[in-house]
């Protein structure tokens, strides 16, 4: 048996219907903790959706975890320590350990802000993956 799993999350317009969080007091609409549904070893991911005007309502930082926010739809802002960064479709923000962060969907966003938050910790990744094995002679299955 191969070591993979498939999760159908639905289209972006369905993300607001998710209700999740890391602990009972952090549950909220528009958050799906994907690594609670898949057997992730080294990375974690949430799929998120905020309606215009909605904000996280808290700041947080991590001691060991690095996060990458990938914005797919809507318009918003991230607070990063003492700075505010505008975000929208195609914006990717890497946030290192020790950086305080919060986010919001701006009130005049053309629609819900949707994004992935990808989390990882541990050792540094090599610049080029050196653990891959290629088989250029193997035919594609389609």
C-alpha atoms as a PDB file:
ATOM      1  CA  UNK A   1       0.000   0.000   0.000  1.00  0.00           C
ATOM      2  CA  UNK A   2       1.317   3.453  -0.930  1.00  0.00           C
ATOM      3  CA  UNK A   3       1.749   6.200   1.627  1.00  0.00           C
ATOM      4  CA  UNK A   4      -0.622   8.890   0.408  1.00  0.00           C
ATOM      5  CA  UNK A   5      -4.040  10.282   1.205  1.00  0.00           C
ATOM      6  CA  UNK A   6      -6.506  12.419  -0.759  1.00  0.00           C
ATOM      7  CA  UNK A   7      -8.824  14.986   0.810  1.00  0.00           C
ATOM      8  CA  UNK A   8     -11.501  16.719  -1.244  1.00  0.00           C
ATOM      9  CA  UNK A   9     -11.864  20.166   0.368  1.00  0.00           C
ATOM     10  CA  UNK A  10     -14.380  21.544  -2.087  1.00  0.00           C
ATOM     11  CA  UNK A  11     -14.149  24.758  -4.057  1.00  0.00           C
ATOM     12  CA  UNK A  12     -13.059  28.087  -2.605  1.00  0.00           C
ATOM     13  CA  UNK A  13     -16.680  29.190  -2.299  1.00  0.00           C
ATOM     14  CA  UNK A  14     -17.315  26.285   0.105  1.00  0.00           C
ATOM     15  CA  UNK A  15     -14.522  27.121   2.580  1.00  0.00           C
ATOM     16  CA  UNK A  16     -16.607  29.463   4.708  1.00  0.00           C
ATOM     17  CA  UNK A  17     -18.741  26.458   5.690  1.00  0.00           C
ATOM     18  CA  UNK A  18     -15.833  24.812   7.527  1.00  0.00           C
ATOM     19  CA  UNK A  19     -15.790  25.194  11.308  1.00  0.00           C
ATOM     20  CA  UNK A  20     -12.539  24.285  12.984  1.00  0.00           C
ATOM     21  CA  UNK A  21      -9.549  25.156  15.101  1.00  0.00           C
ATOM     22  CA  UNK A  22      -6.708  23.706  17.097  1.00  0.00           C
ATOM     23  CA  UNK A  23      -8.463  23.667  20.483  1.00  0.00           C
ATOM     24  CA  UNK A  24     -12.130  24.025  21.496  1.00  0.00           C
ATOM     25  CA  UNK A  25     -11.712  27.714  22.390  1.00  0.00           C
ATOM     26  CA  UNK A  26     -10.143  28.495  18.977  1.00  0.00           C
ATOM     27  CA  UNK A  27     -12.931  27.052  16.807  1.00  0.00           C
ATOM     28  CA  UNK A  28     -14.281  29.451  14.199  1.00  0.00           C
ATOM     29  CA  UNK A  29     -16.206  29.502  10.950  1.00  0.00           C
ATOM     30  CA  UNK A  30     -14.046  29.507   7.836  1.00  0.00           C
ATOM     31  CA  UNK A  31     -11.123  27.480   9.262  1.00  0.00           C
ATOM     32  CA  UNK A  32     -10.262  23.918   8.348  1.00  0.00           C
ATOM     33  CA  UNK A  33      -7.221  22.304   9.971  1.00  0.00           C
ATOM     34  CA  UNK A  34      -6.200  19.978   7.160  1.00  0.00           C
ATOM     35  CA  UNK A  35      -3.477  18.254   9.190  1.00  0.00           C
ATOM     36  CA  UNK A  36      -6.168  17.034  11.607  1.00  0.00           C
ATOM     37  CA  UNK A  37      -7.707  15.141   8.690  1.00  0.00           C
ATOM     38  CA  UNK A  38      -4.575  13.856   6.962  1.00  0.00           C
ATOM     39  CA  UNK A  39      -1.633  12.044   8.543  1.00  0.00           C
ATOM     40  CA  UNK A  40       0.935  14.839   8.155  1.00  0.00           C
ATOM     41  CA  UNK A  41       4.472  14.212   9.442  1.00  0.00           C
ATOM     42  CA  UNK A  42       6.427  17.430   8.965  1.00  0.00           C
ATOM     43  CA  UNK A  43       4.012  20.097   7.739  1.00  0.00           C
ATOM     44  CA  UNK A  44       0.636  21.443   8.739  1.00  0.00           C
ATOM     45  CA  UNK A  45      -1.938  23.437   6.829  1.00  0.00           C
ATOM     46  CA  UNK A  46      -5.164  25.297   7.417  1.00  0.00           C
ATOM     47  CA  UNK A  47      -7.607  26.464   4.743  1.00  0.00           C
ATOM     48  CA  UNK A  48      -9.240  29.743   5.761  1.00  0.00           C
ATOM     49  CA  UNK A  49     -12.009  32.117   4.666  1.00  0.00           C
ATOM     50  CA  UNK A  50     -12.875  35.494   6.210  1.00  0.00           C
ATOM     51  CA  UNK A  51     -15.803  37.641   5.106  1.00  0.00           C
ATOM     52  CA  UNK A  52     -15.206  41.367   4.463  1.00  0.00           C
ATOM     53  CA  UNK A  53     -14.532  43.159   7.744  1.00  0.00           C
ATOM     54  CA  UNK A  54     -13.670  39.990   9.679  1.00  0.00           C
ATOM     55  CA  UNK A  55     -10.358  39.832  11.533  1.00  0.00           C
ATOM     56  CA  UNK A  56      -8.425  37.287  13.561  1.00  0.00           C
ATOM     57  CA  UNK A  57      -8.944  39.251  16.772  1.00  0.00           C
ATOM     58  CA  UNK A  58      -5.608  38.170  18.239  1.00  0.00           C
ATOM     59  CA  UNK A  59      -1.859  38.257  17.624  1.00  0.00           C
ATOM     60  CA  UNK A  60       0.369  35.199  17.849  1.00  0.00           C
ATOM     61  CA  UNK A  61       3.965  34.134  17.408  1.00  0.00           C
ATOM     62  CA  UNK A  62       5.773  30.793  17.258  1.00  0.00           C
ATOM     63  CA  UNK A  63       9.003  29.721  18.877  1.00  0.00           C
ATOM     64  CA  UNK A  64       9.711  26.741  16.574  1.00  0.00           C
ATOM     65  CA  UNK A  65       7.252  26.930  13.698  1.00  0.00           C
ATOM     66  CA  UNK A  66       7.671  28.873  10.455  1.00  0.00           C
ATOM     67  CA  UNK A  67       4.484  29.769   8.554  1.00  0.00           C
ATOM     68  CA  UNK A  68       3.744  30.583   4.923  1.00  0.00           C
ATOM     69  CA  UNK A  69       0.484  32.332   4.040  1.00  0.00           C
ATOM     70  CA  UNK A  70      -0.710  31.864   0.441  1.00  0.00           C
ATOM     71  CA  UNK A  71      -3.566  34.229  -0.449  1.00  0.00           C
ATOM     72  CA  UNK A  72      -5.968  33.040  -3.133  1.00  0.00           C
ATOM     73  CA  UNK A  73      -8.943  35.434  -3.141  1.00  0.00           C
ATOM     74  CA  UNK A  74     -10.210  38.663  -1.604  1.00  0.00           C
ATOM     75  CA  UNK A  75      -8.216  41.522  -0.121  1.00  0.00           C
ATOM     76  CA  UNK A  76      -6.768  41.891   3.342  1.00  0.00           C
ATOM     77  CA  UNK A  77      -3.925  42.978   5.527  1.00  0.00           C
ATOM     78  CA  UNK A  78      -1.408  41.263   7.769  1.00  0.00           C
ATOM     79  CA  UNK A  79       0.089  42.834  10.849  1.00  0.00           C
ATOM     80  CA  UNK A  80       3.715  41.696  11.096  1.00  0.00           C
ATOM     81  CA  UNK A  81       5.407  43.036  14.234  1.00  0.00           C
ATOM     82  CA  UNK A  82       5.120  46.832  13.736  1.00  0.00           C
ATOM     83  CA  UNK A  83       4.232  46.763  10.022  1.00  0.00           C
ATOM     84  CA  UNK A  84       1.035  46.298   8.007  1.00  0.00           C
ATOM     85  CA  UNK A  85       1.248  44.485   4.656  1.00  0.00           C
ATOM     86  CA  UNK A  86      -1.561  44.482   2.069  1.00  0.00           C
ATOM     87  CA  UNK A  87      -2.408  41.001   0.748  1.00  0.00           C
ATOM     88  CA  UNK A  88      -4.532  39.657  -2.068  1.00  0.00           C
ATOM     89  CA  UNK A  89      -4.642  36.907  -4.704  1.00  0.00           C
ATOM     90  CA  UNK A  90      -1.110  35.778  -5.461  1.00  0.00           C
ATOM     91  CA  UNK A  91       0.491  37.229  -2.325  1.00  0.00           C
ATOM     92  CA  UNK A  92       2.721  34.819  -0.391  1.00  0.00           C
ATOM     93  CA  UNK A  93       4.031  35.848   3.040  1.00  0.00           C
ATOM     94  CA  UNK A  94       6.664  33.849   4.920  1.00  0.00           C
ATOM     95  CA  UNK A  95       6.681  34.521   8.659  1.00  0.00           C
ATOM     96  CA  UNK A  96       9.643  33.323  10.673  1.00  0.00           C
ATOM     97  CA  UNK A  97       9.872  32.299  14.287  1.00  0.00           C
ATOM     98  CA  UNK A  98       9.437  35.100  16.804  1.00  0.00           C
ATOM     99  CA  UNK A  99       7.499  37.431  14.469  1.00  0.00           C
ATOM    100  CA  UNK A 100       4.120  38.582  15.831  1.00  0.00           C
ATOM    101  CA  UNK A 101       1.299  38.231  13.287  1.00  0.00           C
ATOM    102  CA  UNK A 102      -2.396  38.920  12.819  1.00  0.00           C
ATOM    103  CA  UNK A 103      -4.630  39.349   9.749  1.00  0.00           C
ATOM    104  CA  UNK A 104      -7.933  40.676   8.522  1.00  0.00           C
ATOM    105  CA  UNK A 105     -10.153  40.851   5.465  1.00  0.00           C
ATOM    106  CA  UNK A 106     -10.588  44.550   4.689  1.00  0.00           C
ATOM    107  CA  UNK A 107     -14.192  45.844   4.839  1.00  0.00           C
ATOM    108  CA  UNK A 108     -14.201  46.822   1.152  1.00  0.00           C
ATOM    109  CA  UNK A 109     -12.809  43.477  -0.080  1.00  0.00           C
ATOM    110  CA  UNK A 110     -14.600  42.413  -3.300  1.00  0.00           C
ATOM    111  CA  UNK A 111     -15.429  39.101  -1.617  1.00  0.00           C
ATOM    112  CA  UNK A 112     -14.221  36.750   1.101  1.00  0.00           C
ATOM    113  CA  UNK A 113     -10.482  36.519   1.670  1.00  0.00           C
ATOM    114  CA  UNK A 114      -9.326  32.932   1.242  1.00  0.00           C
ATOM    115  CA  UNK A 115      -5.870  31.602   2.050  1.00  0.00           C
ATOM    116  CA  UNK A 116      -3.765  28.656   3.084  1.00  0.00           C
ATOM    117  CA  UNK A 117      -1.509  28.819   6.131  1.00  0.00           C
ATOM    118  CA  UNK A 118       1.247  26.232   5.775  1.00  0.00           C
ATOM    119  CA  UNK A 119       3.265  25.449   8.913  1.00  0.00           C
ATOM    120  CA  UNK A 120       6.549  23.601   9.324  1.00  0.00           C
ATOM    121  CA  UNK A 121       9.218  23.255  11.954  1.00  0.00           C
ATOM    122  CA  UNK A 122      12.427  21.386  12.552  1.00  0.00           C
ATOM    123  CA  UNK A 123      15.533  21.434  10.407  1.00  0.00           C
ATOM    124  CA  UNK A 124      16.223  23.681   7.458  1.00  0.00           C
ATOM    125  CA  UNK A 125      15.250  22.500   4.000  1.00  0.00           C
ATOM    126  CA  UNK A 126      18.059  22.227   1.450  1.00  0.00           C
ATOM    127  CA  UNK A 127      18.073  24.792  -1.362  1.00  0.00           C
ATOM    128  CA  UNK A 128      17.517  21.996  -3.881  1.00  0.00           C
ATOM    129  CA  UNK A 129      15.940  18.764  -2.640  1.00  0.00           C
ATOM    130  CA  UNK A 130      18.641  16.123  -2.705  1.00  0.00           C
ATOM    131  CA  UNK A 131      16.529  13.182  -1.574  1.00  0.00           C
ATOM    132  CA  UNK A 132      14.600  12.821  -4.856  1.00  0.00           C
ATOM    133  CA  UNK A 133      15.000   9.918  -7.243  1.00  0.00           C
ATOM    134  CA  UNK A 134      14.014  10.532 -10.874  1.00  0.00           C
ATOM    135  CA  UNK A 135      12.909   7.913 -13.380  1.00  0.00           C
ATOM    136  CA  UNK A 136      12.656   9.619 -16.751  1.00  0.00           C
ATOM    137  CA  UNK A 137      12.089   6.281 -18.501  1.00  0.00           C
ATOM    138  CA  UNK A 138       8.934   5.479 -16.511  1.00  0.00           C
ATOM    139  CA  UNK A 139       5.881   6.211 -18.686  1.00  0.00           C
ATOM    140  CA  UNK A 140       3.178   8.559 -17.426  1.00  0.00           C
ATOM    141  CA  UNK A 141      -0.063   6.825 -16.407  1.00  0.00           C
ATOM    142  CA  UNK A 142      -2.286   8.897 -18.745  1.00  0.00           C
END
